[in-house]
């Protein structure tokens, strides 16, 4: 009887240790995914920004604090996002995030150039709204139809455009509260137009940094069945946290 109990205890401990090892492996993979994502942030610009706005705060310390906070805030979201993925699938996510394709898509050059185009668009629409005139943005065109279609597919798979809707809803509620329904309606209309222009701006920037072959690699990755089941918010991060 004692021998049987001893065998059961050993078996139980073996199962428990196995489960713990698997759990630790998942945690390590999640930490690596978060780390790779945060390392893609332009931390040099962050340090420079701190230097410009404060003489009292050590920019290196500030950068470390922001990075730590970002990691703490990102980890639960990443863990929840990929909760249904197996360890092998998490490894595939990590491999893609470390690829040259993802580094190029999420590079600071792409985000900065795109930010400039969107800022000009936003200021133009806002100025026109205040003056009662119209704004005609200079929307760049991409002659390569095949590349254009591939970017459309990539945006569809990553759910990037729906990010505008997620950001818009709380902002519109606050604007409506502070400035009234009319201002909220105008702002909503303006943001919807920028959302409509976004693909063209994105294509015009991306084409200089990401080849068709690399773009196809990204499309193939996001087209995998397990990635299609990942919640949209994780895909939107983009253009960042996958």
Protein backbone atom coordinates (compact mmCIF):
# COMPACT_ATOMS: atom_id res chain seq x y z
CA UNK A 1 0.00 0.00 0.00
CA UNK A 2 2.81 2.38 0.99
CA UNK A 3 4.62 1.53 -2.21
CA UNK A 4 1.50 2.29 -4.26
CA UNK A 5 1.05 5.65 -2.50
CA UNK A 6 4.72 6.47 -3.09
CA UNK A 7 4.34 5.71 -6.79
CA UNK A 8 1.25 7.94 -6.97
CA UNK A 9 3.10 10.80 -5.25
CA UNK A 10 6.06 10.46 -7.62
CA UNK A 11 3.69 10.40 -10.60
CA UNK A 12 1.81 13.47 -9.29
CA UNK A 13 5.04 15.35 -8.71
CA UNK A 14 6.17 14.43 -12.23
CA UNK A 15 2.95 15.80 -13.74
CA UNK A 16 3.14 18.95 -11.60
CA UNK A 17 6.77 19.61 -12.55
CA UNK A 18 5.89 19.03 -16.22
CA UNK A 19 3.00 21.49 -16.06
CA UNK A 20 5.20 24.04 -14.30
CA UNK A 21 7.93 23.62 -16.91
CA UNK A 22 5.40 24.14 -19.70
CA UNK A 23 4.01 27.19 -17.91
CA UNK A 24 7.51 28.61 -17.49
CA UNK A 25 8.23 28.02 -21.18
CA UNK A 26 5.11 29.96 -22.15
CA UNK A 27 6.03 32.79 -19.80
CA UNK A 28 9.54 32.95 -21.25
CA UNK A 29 8.13 33.09 -24.80
CA UNK A 30 5.65 35.82 -23.84
CA UNK A 31 8.45 37.83 -22.20
CA UNK A 32 10.57 37.49 -25.34
CA UNK A 33 7.69 38.63 -27.57
CA UNK A 34 7.13 41.69 -25.37
CA UNK A 35 10.87 42.40 -25.30
CA UNK A 36 11.27 42.20 -29.07
CA UNK A 37 8.26 44.49 -29.55
CA UNK A 38 9.54 47.12 -27.14
CA UNK A 39 13.03 46.99 -28.62
CA UNK A 40 11.47 48.12 -31.89
CA UNK A 41 10.49 51.41 -30.23
CA UNK A 42 12.66 54.37 -31.13
CA UNK A 43 14.21 54.82 -27.69
CA UNK A 44 16.82 57.27 -29.00
CA UNK A 45 14.03 59.73 -29.85
CA UNK A 46 12.53 59.18 -26.41
CA UNK A 47 15.81 60.17 -24.73
CA UNK A 48 16.13 63.22 -27.00
CA UNK A 49 12.59 64.31 -26.19
CA UNK A 50 13.28 64.12 -22.44
CA UNK A 51 16.43 66.22 -22.92
CA UNK A 52 14.47 68.89 -24.79
CA UNK A 53 11.69 69.21 -22.20
CA UNK A 54 13.50 68.80 -18.90
CA UNK A 55 16.91 69.71 -17.50
CA UNK A 56 16.18 68.06 -14.15
CA UNK A 57 15.35 64.52 -15.27
CA UNK A 58 18.14 62.17 -16.31
CA UNK A 59 17.06 61.08 -19.83
CA UNK A 60 18.68 57.65 -19.45
CA UNK A 61 16.77 57.03 -16.22
CA UNK A 62 13.56 58.34 -17.78
CA UNK A 63 14.00 56.02 -20.77
CA UNK A 64 14.53 53.04 -18.46
CA UNK A 65 11.42 53.92 -16.43
CA UNK A 66 9.26 54.33 -19.54
CA UNK A 67 10.57 51.04 -20.95
CA UNK A 68 9.86 49.22 -17.68
CA UNK A 69 6.34 50.64 -17.45
CA UNK A 70 5.66 49.80 -21.09
CA UNK A 71 6.83 46.24 -20.48
CA UNK A 72 4.63 45.86 -17.40
CA UNK A 73 1.60 47.25 -19.24
CA UNK A 74 2.21 45.26 -22.42
CA UNK A 75 2.80 41.83 -20.91
CA UNK A 76 -0.77 41.14 -19.65
CA UNK A 77 -2.20 42.21 -23.01
CA UNK A 78 0.23 40.03 -24.96
CA UNK A 79 -0.39 37.07 -22.64
CA UNK A 80 -4.17 37.45 -23.04
CA UNK A 81 -3.90 37.97 -26.78
CA UNK A 82 -1.95 34.77 -27.37
CA UNK A 83 -3.61 32.73 -24.62
CA UNK A 84 -4.95 30.13 -27.08
CA UNK A 85 -1.70 29.66 -28.99
CA UNK A 86 0.48 26.64 -28.39
CA UNK A 87 4.15 26.98 -27.49
CA UNK A 88 5.12 26.08 -31.06
CA UNK A 89 2.82 28.80 -32.39
CA UNK A 90 4.27 31.31 -29.93
CA UNK A 91 7.71 30.39 -31.25
CA UNK A 92 6.48 31.12 -34.78
CA UNK A 93 5.22 34.53 -33.60
CA UNK A 94 8.60 35.24 -32.03
CA UNK A 95 10.45 34.13 -35.18
CA UNK A 96 8.37 36.47 -37.32
CA UNK A 97 8.85 39.39 -34.95
CA UNK A 98 12.61 38.88 -35.13
CA UNK A 99 12.56 38.72 -38.93
CA UNK A 100 13.93 41.45 -41.17
CA UNK A 101 10.42 41.76 -42.64
CA UNK A 102 8.88 42.79 -39.32
CA UNK A 103 11.83 45.04 -38.46
CA UNK A 104 11.32 46.93 -41.72
CA UNK A 105 7.54 47.17 -41.41
CA UNK A 106 7.77 48.47 -37.84
CA UNK A 107 10.85 50.65 -38.36
CA UNK A 108 10.96 54.18 -36.97
CA UNK A 109 11.46 55.52 -40.51
CA UNK A 110 8.10 54.13 -41.60
CA UNK A 111 6.25 55.34 -38.51
CA UNK A 112 7.83 58.79 -38.58
CA UNK A 113 7.17 59.45 -42.27
CA UNK A 114 3.62 58.18 -41.91
CA UNK A 115 3.10 60.36 -38.83
CA UNK A 116 4.15 63.45 -40.78
CA UNK A 117 1.69 62.72 -43.59
CA UNK A 118 -1.15 62.09 -41.14
CA UNK A 119 -0.29 65.21 -39.12
CA UNK A 120 -0.43 67.39 -42.23
CA UNK A 121 -3.77 65.83 -43.13
CA UNK A 122 -5.14 66.35 -39.62
CA UNK A 123 -4.04 69.99 -39.42
CA UNK A 124 -5.44 70.64 -42.89
CA UNK A 125 -8.86 69.23 -42.07
CA UNK A 126 -8.93 70.96 -38.69
CA UNK A 127 -8.01 74.35 -40.16
CA UNK A 128 -10.63 73.93 -42.87
CA UNK A 129 -13.23 73.02 -40.26
CA UNK A 130 -12.50 76.17 -38.25
CA UNK A 131 -12.49 78.45 -41.31
CA UNK A 132 -15.48 76.87 -43.01
CA UNK A 133 -13.46 76.01 -46.10
CA UNK A 134 -12.49 72.69 -47.64
CA UNK A 135 -9.23 70.76 -47.44
CA UNK A 136 -7.89 68.87 -50.43
CA UNK A 137 -5.03 66.64 -49.28
CA UNK A 138 -2.20 65.75 -51.62
CA UNK A 139 -2.78 62.00 -51.53
CA UNK A 140 0.17 60.12 -53.07
CA UNK A 141 -0.60 57.48 -55.67
CA UNK A 142 1.17 54.15 -56.10
CA UNK A 143 1.53 53.00 -59.69
CA UNK A 144 2.39 49.42 -58.75
CA UNK A 145 -1.10 47.91 -58.55
CA UNK A 146 0.17 44.55 -57.37
CA UNK A 147 2.01 46.11 -54.42
CA UNK A 148 -1.03 48.25 -53.65
CA UNK A 149 -3.28 45.18 -53.51
CA UNK A 150 -0.78 43.38 -51.25
CA UNK A 151 -0.76 46.28 -48.80
CA UNK A 152 -4.58 46.27 -48.78
CA UNK A 153 -4.49 42.58 -47.90
CA UNK A 154 -1.93 43.20 -45.15
CA UNK A 155 -4.04 45.99 -43.65
CA UNK A 156 -7.09 43.74 -43.75
CA UNK A 157 -5.30 40.88 -42.00
CA UNK A 158 -3.79 43.10 -39.30
CA UNK A 159 -7.02 45.00 -38.63
CA UNK A 160 -5.06 48.27 -38.76
CA UNK A 161 -7.87 50.49 -40.00
CA UNK A 162 -10.23 49.53 -37.18
CA UNK A 163 -7.75 51.15 -34.79
CA UNK A 164 -9.20 54.49 -35.87
CA UNK A 165 -12.63 53.38 -34.67
CA UNK A 166 -11.27 52.22 -31.31
CA UNK A 167 -9.50 55.53 -30.76
CA UNK A 168 -12.41 57.58 -32.06
CA UNK A 169 -15.19 56.32 -29.81
CA UNK A 170 -13.82 57.49 -26.43
CA UNK A 171 -12.46 60.70 -27.95
CA UNK A 172 -15.83 61.57 -29.50
CA UNK A 173 -17.62 60.93 -26.22
CA UNK A 174 -15.30 63.38 -24.47
CA UNK A 175 -15.59 66.01 -27.23
CA UNK A 176 -19.39 65.70 -27.20
CA UNK A 177 -19.35 66.18 -23.43
CA UNK A 178 -17.07 69.23 -23.53
CA UNK A 179 -17.96 70.90 -26.84
CA UNK A 180 -21.34 69.55 -27.84
CA UNK A 181 -22.76 67.17 -30.44
CA UNK A 182 -21.99 69.45 -33.39
CA UNK A 183 -18.25 69.59 -32.67
CA UNK A 184 -18.17 65.83 -32.08
CA UNK A 185 -19.91 65.23 -35.40
CA UNK A 186 -17.44 67.42 -37.30
CA UNK A 187 -14.45 65.79 -35.61
CA UNK A 188 -15.83 62.33 -36.35
CA UNK A 189 -16.30 63.23 -40.00
CA UNK A 190 -12.75 64.57 -40.17
CA UNK A 191 -11.25 61.42 -38.63
CA UNK A 192 -13.25 59.18 -40.93
CA UNK A 193 -11.78 61.00 -43.91
CA UNK A 194 -8.25 60.59 -42.56
CA UNK A 195 -8.98 56.91 -42.04
CA UNK A 196 -10.05 56.71 -45.68
CA UNK A 197 -6.80 58.38 -46.80
CA UNK A 198 -4.58 56.25 -44.54
CA UNK A 199 -3.99 53.29 -46.92
CA UNK A 200 -2.63 55.57 -49.64
CA UNK A 201 -0.29 57.32 -47.20
CA UNK A 202 0.86 54.00 -45.76
CA UNK A 203 1.56 52.52 -49.20
CA UNK A 204 3.58 55.55 -50.27
CA UNK A 205 5.87 55.16 -47.24
CA UNK A 206 6.05 51.37 -47.02
CA UNK A 207 7.12 50.88 -50.65
CA UNK A 208 10.49 52.49 -49.88
CA UNK A 209 11.30 50.09 -47.06
CA UNK A 210 9.48 46.78 -47.66
CA UNK A 211 9.79 44.66 -50.80
CA UNK A 212 7.02 42.58 -52.33
CA UNK A 213 8.74 39.43 -51.14
CA UNK A 214 8.86 40.70 -47.57
CA UNK A 215 5.29 41.91 -47.73
CA UNK A 216 4.22 38.48 -48.96
CA UNK A 217 6.01 36.92 -45.98
CA UNK A 218 3.95 39.13 -43.65
CA UNK A 219 0.72 38.24 -45.47
CA UNK A 220 1.55 34.53 -45.28
CA UNK A 221 2.25 34.81 -41.56
CA UNK A 222 -0.99 36.63 -40.72
CA UNK A 223 -2.95 34.26 -42.98
CA UNK A 224 -2.08 31.23 -40.87
CA UNK A 225 -5.21 29.77 -39.21
CA UNK A 226 -3.99 30.35 -35.67
CA UNK A 227 -3.14 34.00 -36.43
CA UNK A 228 -6.57 34.58 -37.97
CA UNK A 229 -8.04 33.61 -34.59
CA UNK A 230 -5.89 36.07 -32.64
CA UNK A 231 -7.97 39.01 -31.29
CA UNK A 232 -7.87 42.03 -33.56
CA UNK A 233 -6.28 44.33 -30.99
CA UNK A 234 -3.04 42.36 -31.04
CA UNK A 235 -2.96 42.58 -34.82
CA UNK A 236 -3.48 46.29 -34.73
CA UNK A 237 -0.55 46.85 -32.42
CA UNK A 238 0.83 46.56 -35.69
CA UNK A 239 2.05 47.32 -36.72
CA UNK A 240 4.07 46.90 -33.55
CA UNK A 241 3.20 44.15 -31.16
CA UNK A 242 1.92 42.07 -34.01
